[in-house]
Amino acid sequence: MIDTALLLLQSELQNFINKVDGSGTVIVENIGLLETANSTNLNNNIIISLVNVEEESSLKNQPAVKRPFISNTATYQNPPVYLNLYVLFTCNFSGAYSDALKRLGYVIQFLQSKNLFSVSSSSSLPNGSGGGTSFDLSQTDIASLKFTLELYTLTFEQINHLWGSLGGRQVPFAMYKLRLVAISNGSVLRQVPLVEEVKTNVDSVVNN
């Protein structure tokens, strides 16, 4: 689901860039490869990279029992893990520095105008054309995917550590916190019949 969330974000942002500029390409890739031999496809692109994963602590204690409305069986499943993803948008353009800043402005403008994303409401889902990824909407977890983004501000010290860990020079960037992505294997631990009636012998004991 992490890749699905980022691919949906890529598709929506690319659709916006095509309308306002038409010359920027949005890719999902590891910005840490920027100054390596594998950096060719990072040039002159807007790059979406995942830099951290965090579990949403407020949703950890959920019940493991599910009771279907039309069944007398209780299903035990481990609850999903809800994640917050820290996503880095970088604009790496080898031409004028202003080109990178302009496209970074487009990214922020887009995410200011739209911060709620869902597969069900998206008008620009990847369709697999050209051998790319497509979304299988028959999968419940993909069809129900929904998340929000909010700008996440780093201190100068955090910025220094971030780019130091990525091993490259700093380029125009913005970090966003993507909430919430639910991940579940869907495995059933066990199924048990529901307790629908409790019989006791209290009355007979009292009468005797």
C-alpha atoms as a PDB file:
ATOM      1  CA  MET A   1       0.000   0.000   0.000  1.00  0.00           C
ATOM      2  CA  ILE A   2       2.963   2.327   0.461  1.00  0.00           C
ATOM      3  CA  ASP A   3       3.806   2.119  -3.226  1.00  0.00           C
ATOM      4  CA  THR A   4       0.127   2.527  -4.166  1.00  0.00           C
ATOM      5  CA  ALA A   5      -0.164   5.705  -2.090  1.00  0.00           C
ATOM      6  CA  LEU A   6       2.944   7.238  -3.657  1.00  0.00           C
ATOM      7  CA  LEU A   7       1.909   6.240  -7.173  1.00  0.00           C
ATOM      8  CA  LEU A   8      -1.506   7.839  -6.662  1.00  0.00           C
ATOM      9  CA  LEU A   9       0.201  10.993  -5.416  1.00  0.00           C
ATOM     10  CA  GLN A  10       2.561  10.943  -8.405  1.00  0.00           C
ATOM     11  CA  SER A  11      -0.319  10.574 -10.843  1.00  0.00           C
ATOM     12  CA  GLU A  12      -2.338  13.425  -9.329  1.00  0.00           C
ATOM     13  CA  LEU A  13       0.657  15.766  -9.154  1.00  0.00           C
ATOM     14  CA  GLN A  14       1.687  14.939 -12.736  1.00  0.00           C
ATOM     15  CA  ASN A  15      -1.811  15.745 -13.924  1.00  0.00           C
ATOM     16  CA  PHE A  16      -1.587  19.151 -12.232  1.00  0.00           C
ATOM     17  CA  ILE A  17       1.927  19.882 -13.584  1.00  0.00           C
ATOM     18  CA  ASN A  18       0.770  19.057 -17.106  1.00  0.00           C
ATOM     19  CA  LYS A  19      -1.938  21.694 -16.825  1.00  0.00           C
ATOM     20  CA  VAL A  20       0.163  24.535 -15.389  1.00  0.00           C
ATOM     21  CA  ASP A  21       3.565  23.894 -16.952  1.00  0.00           C
ATOM     22  CA  GLY A  22       3.690  20.902 -19.257  1.00  0.00           C
ATOM     23  CA  SER A  23       7.450  20.443 -19.015  1.00  0.00           C
ATOM     24  CA  GLY A  24       7.951  18.759 -15.657  1.00  0.00           C
ATOM     25  CA  THR A  25       7.948  15.018 -15.042  1.00  0.00           C
ATOM     26  CA  VAL A  26       7.063  13.567 -11.647  1.00  0.00           C
ATOM     27  CA  ILE A  27       8.716  10.274 -10.670  1.00  0.00           C
ATOM     28  CA  VAL A  28       8.813   8.087  -7.570  1.00  0.00           C
ATOM     29  CA  GLU A  29      12.471   7.348  -6.926  1.00  0.00           C
ATOM     30  CA  ASN A  30      15.158   7.348  -4.231  1.00  0.00           C
ATOM     31  CA  ILE A  31      16.666  10.829  -4.086  1.00  0.00           C
ATOM     32  CA  GLY A  32      19.633   9.267  -2.281  1.00  0.00           C
ATOM     33  CA  LEU A  33      20.856   8.086  -5.703  1.00  0.00           C
ATOM     34  CA  LEU A  34      21.313  11.689  -6.848  1.00  0.00           C
ATOM     35  CA  GLU A  35      25.116  11.753  -6.866  1.00  0.00           C
ATOM     36  CA  THR A  36      25.665   8.139  -7.845  1.00  0.00           C
ATOM     37  CA  ALA A  37      26.092   6.334 -11.152  1.00  0.00           C
ATOM     38  CA  ASN A  38      22.368   5.526 -11.077  1.00  0.00           C
ATOM     39  CA  SER A  39      21.171   9.126 -11.052  1.00  0.00           C
ATOM     40  CA  THR A  40      20.417   9.503 -14.770  1.00  0.00           C
ATOM     41  CA  ASN A  41      16.629   9.395 -14.429  1.00  0.00           C
ATOM     42  CA  LEU A  42      16.713  11.901 -11.547  1.00  0.00           C
ATOM     43  CA  ASN A  43      17.872  14.764 -13.737  1.00  0.00           C
ATOM     44  CA  ASN A  44      15.338  17.454 -14.629  1.00  0.00           C
ATOM     45  CA  ASN A  45      12.520  15.802 -12.706  1.00  0.00           C
ATOM     46  CA  ILE A  46      10.323  16.291  -9.687  1.00  0.00           C
ATOM     47  CA  ILE A  47      11.167  13.364  -7.422  1.00  0.00           C
ATOM     48  CA  ILE A  48       8.948  11.839  -4.741  1.00  0.00           C
ATOM     49  CA  SER A  49      10.927   9.872  -2.141  1.00  0.00           C
ATOM     50  CA  LEU A  50       9.944   8.113   1.051  1.00  0.00           C
ATOM     51  CA  VAL A  51      12.334   9.086   3.862  1.00  0.00           C
ATOM     52  CA  ASN A  52      10.600   7.794   6.994  1.00  0.00           C
ATOM     53  CA  VAL A  53       7.748   5.563   8.167  1.00  0.00           C
ATOM     54  CA  GLU A  54       5.911   6.108  11.444  1.00  0.00           C
ATOM     55  CA  GLU A  55       3.142   4.087  13.081  1.00  0.00           C
ATOM     56  CA  GLU A  56       0.097   6.116  14.126  1.00  0.00           C
ATOM     57  CA  SER A  57       0.097   5.443  17.863  1.00  0.00           C
ATOM     58  CA  SER A  58      -3.476   6.651  18.441  1.00  0.00           C
ATOM     59  CA  LEU A  59      -4.835   3.739  16.344  1.00  0.00           C
ATOM     60  CA  LYS A  60      -2.741   0.913  17.800  1.00  0.00           C
ATOM     61  CA  ASN A  61      -5.264  -0.476  20.292  1.00  0.00           C
ATOM     62  CA  GLN A  62      -8.017  -1.754  18.046  1.00  0.00           C
ATOM     63  CA  PRO A  63     -10.142  -4.862  18.603  1.00  0.00           C
ATOM     64  CA  ALA A  64      -9.068  -8.022  16.835  1.00  0.00           C
ATOM     65  CA  VAL A  65     -12.609  -9.378  16.507  1.00  0.00           C
ATOM     66  CA  LYS A  66     -14.865  -8.713  13.534  1.00  0.00           C
ATOM     67  CA  ARG A  67     -18.536  -9.716  13.486  1.00  0.00           C
ATOM     68  CA  PRO A  68     -20.132  -9.779  10.020  1.00  0.00           C
ATOM     69  CA  PHE A  69     -23.712  -8.524   9.938  1.00  0.00           C
ATOM     70  CA  ILE A  70     -25.062 -11.618   8.186  1.00  0.00           C
ATOM     71  CA  SER A  71     -23.056 -14.261   9.965  1.00  0.00           C
ATOM     72  CA  ASN A  72     -23.110 -15.914  13.349  1.00  0.00           C
ATOM     73  CA  THR A  73     -19.346 -16.347  13.288  1.00  0.00           C
ATOM     74  CA  ALA A  74     -16.771 -14.032  14.850  1.00  0.00           C
ATOM     75  CA  THR A  75     -13.537 -13.601  12.902  1.00  0.00           C
ATOM     76  CA  TYR A  76     -10.260 -12.887  14.656  1.00  0.00           C
ATOM     77  CA  GLN A  77      -7.749 -10.840  12.659  1.00  0.00           C
ATOM     78  CA  ASN A  78      -4.849  -8.693  13.708  1.00  0.00           C
ATOM     79  CA  PRO A  79      -5.896  -5.050  13.235  1.00  0.00           C
ATOM     80  CA  PRO A  80      -4.244  -3.117  10.380  1.00  0.00           C
ATOM     81  CA  VAL A  81      -1.086  -1.117  10.959  1.00  0.00           C
ATOM     82  CA  TYR A  82      -1.775   2.551  10.273  1.00  0.00           C
ATOM     83  CA  LEU A  83       1.234   4.431   8.981  1.00  0.00           C
ATOM     84  CA  ASN A  84       2.295   8.018   8.511  1.00  0.00           C
ATOM     85  CA  LEU A  85       4.750   8.419   5.650  1.00  0.00           C
ATOM     86  CA  TYR A  86       7.269  11.248   5.485  1.00  0.00           C
ATOM     87  CA  VAL A  87       7.520  12.112   1.826  1.00  0.00           C
ATOM     88  CA  LEU A  88      10.207  14.306   0.293  1.00  0.00           C
ATOM     89  CA  PHE A  89       9.476  16.297  -2.872  1.00  0.00           C
ATOM     90  CA  THR A  90      12.675  17.413  -4.566  1.00  0.00           C
ATOM     91  CA  CYS A  91      13.073  19.442  -7.732  1.00  0.00           C
ATOM     92  CA  ASN A  92      16.321  18.549  -9.465  1.00  0.00           C
ATOM     93  CA  PHE A  93      16.773  20.688 -12.574  1.00  0.00           C
ATOM     94  CA  SER A  94      20.246  21.153 -14.024  1.00  0.00           C
ATOM     95  CA  GLY A  95      19.317  24.365 -15.838  1.00  0.00           C
ATOM     96  CA  ALA A  96      18.456  27.609 -14.127  1.00  0.00           C
ATOM     97  CA  TYR A  97      18.000  27.401 -10.353  1.00  0.00           C
ATOM     98  CA  SER A  98      14.792  29.349 -10.829  1.00  0.00           C
ATOM     99  CA  ASP A  99      13.349  26.411 -12.814  1.00  0.00           C
ATOM    100  CA  ALA A 100      13.648  24.176  -9.746  1.00  0.00           C
ATOM    101  CA  LEU A 101      12.150  26.849  -7.490  1.00  0.00           C
ATOM    102  CA  LYS A 102       9.258  27.399  -9.897  1.00  0.00           C
ATOM    103  CA  ARG A 103       8.377  23.714  -9.912  1.00  0.00           C
ATOM    104  CA  LEU A 104       8.729  23.467  -6.148  1.00  0.00           C
ATOM    105  CA  GLY A 105       6.208  26.287  -5.992  1.00  0.00           C
ATOM    106  CA  TYR A 106       3.884  24.230  -8.202  1.00  0.00           C
ATOM    107  CA  VAL A 107       4.176  21.272  -5.817  1.00  0.00           C
ATOM    108  CA  ILE A 108       3.284  23.411  -2.809  1.00  0.00           C
ATOM    109  CA  GLN A 109       0.507  25.118  -4.736  1.00  0.00           C
ATOM    110  CA  PHE A 110      -0.984  21.763  -5.707  1.00  0.00           C
ATOM    111  CA  LEU A 111      -0.844  20.348  -2.182  1.00  0.00           C
ATOM    112  CA  GLN A 112      -2.346  23.551  -0.799  1.00  0.00           C
ATOM    113  CA  SER A 113      -5.302  23.212  -3.146  1.00  0.00           C
ATOM    114  CA  LYS A 114      -5.733  19.482  -2.559  1.00  0.00           C
ATOM    115  CA  ASN A 115      -4.604  17.661   0.564  1.00  0.00           C
ATOM    116  CA  LEU A 116      -7.093  14.771   0.631  1.00  0.00           C
ATOM    117  CA  PHE A 117      -6.475  11.906  -1.786  1.00  0.00           C
ATOM    118  CA  SER A 118      -8.416   8.728  -2.432  1.00  0.00           C
ATOM    119  CA  VAL A 119      -8.527   6.129  -5.160  1.00  0.00           C
ATOM    120  CA  SER A 120     -12.307   6.370  -5.348  1.00  0.00           C
ATOM    121  CA  SER A 121     -12.279  10.109  -6.153  1.00  0.00           C
ATOM    122  CA  SER A 122      -9.187  10.256  -8.342  1.00  0.00           C
ATOM    123  CA  SER A 123      -9.615  11.255 -11.966  1.00  0.00           C
ATOM    124  CA  SER A 124      -6.056  10.375 -12.998  1.00  0.00           C
ATOM    125  CA  LEU A 125      -5.315   6.833 -11.852  1.00  0.00           C
ATOM    126  CA  PRO A 126      -2.367   5.040 -13.461  1.00  0.00           C
ATOM    127  CA  ASN A 127      -3.771   2.797 -16.208  1.00  0.00           C
ATOM    128  CA  GLY A 128      -0.735   0.670 -16.960  1.00  0.00           C
ATOM    129  CA  SER A 129      -0.161   2.221 -20.379  1.00  0.00           C
ATOM    130  CA  GLY A 130       3.400   1.980 -21.597  1.00  0.00           C
ATOM    131  CA  GLY A 131       4.109  -0.909 -19.229  1.00  0.00           C
ATOM    132  CA  GLY A 132       3.584   1.189 -16.102  1.00  0.00           C
ATOM    133  CA  THR A 133       1.730   0.347 -12.937  1.00  0.00           C
ATOM    134  CA  SER A 134      -2.048   0.153 -12.863  1.00  0.00           C
ATOM    135  CA  PHE A 135      -4.418  -0.076  -9.893  1.00  0.00           C
ATOM    136  CA  ASP A 136      -6.414  -3.246  -9.336  1.00  0.00           C
ATOM    137  CA  LEU A 137      -9.658  -1.775  -8.019  1.00  0.00           C
ATOM    138  CA  SER A 138     -11.003  -5.241  -7.269  1.00  0.00           C
ATOM    139  CA  GLN A 139      -8.714  -5.276  -4.234  1.00  0.00           C
ATOM    140  CA  THR A 140     -10.581  -3.756  -1.309  1.00  0.00           C
ATOM    141  CA  ASP A 141      -7.529  -2.196   0.330  1.00  0.00           C
ATOM    142  CA  ILE A 142      -6.584  -0.393  -2.901  1.00  0.00           C
ATOM    143  CA  ALA A 143     -10.119   0.730  -3.732  1.00  0.00           C
ATOM    144  CA  SER A 144     -10.578   2.154  -0.217  1.00  0.00           C
ATOM    145  CA  LEU A 145      -7.182   3.870  -0.006  1.00  0.00           C
ATOM    146  CA  LYS A 146      -7.457   7.382   1.406  1.00  0.00           C
ATOM    147  CA  PHE A 147      -4.886   9.739   2.914  1.00  0.00           C
ATOM    148  CA  THR A 148      -4.116  13.383   3.641  1.00  0.00           C
ATOM    149  CA  LEU A 149      -0.938  15.427   3.359  1.00  0.00           C
ATOM    150  CA  GLU A 150       0.328  18.281   5.483  1.00  0.00           C
ATOM    151  CA  LEU A 151       3.507  20.320   5.147  1.00  0.00           C
ATOM    152  CA  TYR A 152       6.150  19.186   7.620  1.00  0.00           C
ATOM    153  CA  THR A 153       8.725  21.820   8.558  1.00  0.00           C
ATOM    154  CA  LEU A 154      12.254  20.747   9.433  1.00  0.00           C
ATOM    155  CA  THR A 155      14.720  22.689  11.552  1.00  0.00           C
ATOM    156  CA  PHE A 156      18.078  23.615  10.029  1.00  0.00           C
ATOM    157  CA  GLU A 157      19.701  20.865  12.101  1.00  0.00           C
ATOM    158  CA  GLN A 158      17.202  18.298  10.827  1.00  0.00           C
ATOM    159  CA  ILE A 159      17.766  19.449   7.253  1.00  0.00           C
ATOM    160  CA  ASN A 160      21.502  18.976   7.716  1.00  0.00           C
ATOM    161  CA  HIS A 161      20.994  15.442   9.067  1.00  0.00           C
ATOM    162  CA  LEU A 162      18.498  14.607   6.318  1.00  0.00           C
ATOM    163  CA  TRP A 163      20.719  15.523   3.409  1.00  0.00           C
ATOM    164  CA  GLY A 164      23.736  14.067   5.166  1.00  0.00           C
ATOM    165  CA  SER A 165      21.958  10.706   5.446  1.00  0.00           C
ATOM    166  CA  LEU A 166      20.859  10.929   1.805  1.00  0.00           C
ATOM    167  CA  GLY A 167      24.489  11.429   0.851  1.00  0.00           C
ATOM    168  CA  GLY A 168      23.926  14.220  -1.648  1.00  0.00           C
ATOM    169  CA  ARG A 169      23.890  17.931  -2.138  1.00  0.00           C
ATOM    170  CA  GLN A 170      20.776  19.790  -1.146  1.00  0.00           C
ATOM    171  CA  VAL A 171      18.336  20.740  -3.894  1.00  0.00           C
ATOM    172  CA  PRO A 172      15.045  22.650  -3.576  1.00  0.00           C
ATOM    173  CA  PHE A 173      12.689  20.448  -1.566  1.00  0.00           C
ATOM    174  CA  ALA A 174       9.638  20.260   0.661  1.00  0.00           C
ATOM    175  CA  MET A 175       8.676  17.517   3.086  1.00  0.00           C
ATOM    176  CA  TYR A 176       5.106  16.424   3.696  1.00  0.00           C
ATOM    177  CA  LYS A 177       3.570  14.075   6.232  1.00  0.00           C
ATOM    178  CA  LEU A 178       1.210  11.638   4.557  1.00  0.00           C
ATOM    179  CA  ARG A 179      -1.489  10.276   6.885  1.00  0.00           C
ATOM    180  CA  LEU A 180      -2.741   7.438   7.096  1.00  0.00           C
ATOM    181  CA  VAL A 181      -1.950   4.325   5.107  1.00  0.00           C
ATOM    182  CA  ALA A 182      -3.474   1.105   6.441  1.00  0.00           C
ATOM    183  CA  ILE A 183      -1.518  -2.091   5.891  1.00  0.00           C
ATOM    184  CA  SER A 184      -3.026  -5.492   6.583  1.00  0.00           C
ATOM    185  CA  ASN A 185      -2.257  -8.970   5.340  1.00  0.00           C
ATOM    186  CA  GLY A 186      -5.910  -9.909   5.793  1.00  0.00           C
ATOM    187  CA  SER A 187      -5.008 -13.263   7.343  1.00  0.00           C
ATOM    188  CA  VAL A 188      -7.700 -14.817   9.505  1.00  0.00           C
ATOM    189  CA  LEU A 189      -6.345 -16.090  12.824  1.00  0.00           C
ATOM    190  CA  ARG A 190      -9.463 -18.094  13.681  1.00  0.00           C
ATOM    191  CA  GLN A 191     -13.234 -18.111  13.424  1.00  0.00           C
ATOM    192  CA  VAL A 192     -15.539 -19.007  16.292  1.00  0.00           C
ATOM    193  CA  PRO A 193     -19.341 -19.136  16.648  1.00  0.00           C
ATOM    194  CA  LEU A 194     -20.948 -16.232  18.452  1.00  0.00           C
ATOM    195  CA  VAL A 195     -22.387 -16.681  21.919  1.00  0.00           C
ATOM    196  CA  GLU A 196     -26.069 -15.927  21.351  1.00  0.00           C
ATOM    197  CA  GLU A 197     -27.647 -17.456  24.490  1.00  0.00           C
ATOM    198  CA  VAL A 198     -26.464 -18.141  28.007  1.00  0.00           C
ATOM    199  CA  LYS A 199     -28.195 -20.806  30.053  1.00  0.00           C
ATOM    200  CA  THR A 200     -27.822 -20.945  33.818  1.00  0.00           C
ATOM    201  CA  ASN A 201     -29.277 -23.028  36.659  1.00  0.00           C
ATOM    202  CA  VAL A 202     -29.630 -20.089  39.046  1.00  0.00           C
ATOM    203  CA  ASP A 203     -33.445 -20.413  39.326  1.00  0.00           C
ATOM    204  CA  SER A 204     -33.338 -24.092  40.173  1.00  0.00           C
ATOM    205  CA  VAL A 205     -30.724 -23.527  42.861  1.00  0.00           C
ATOM    206  CA  VAL A 206     -32.791 -20.727  44.486  1.00  0.00           C
ATOM    207  CA  ASN A 207     -36.008 -22.792  44.471  1.00  0.00           C
ATOM    208  CA  ASN A 208     -34.308 -25.705  46.148  1.00  0.00           C
END
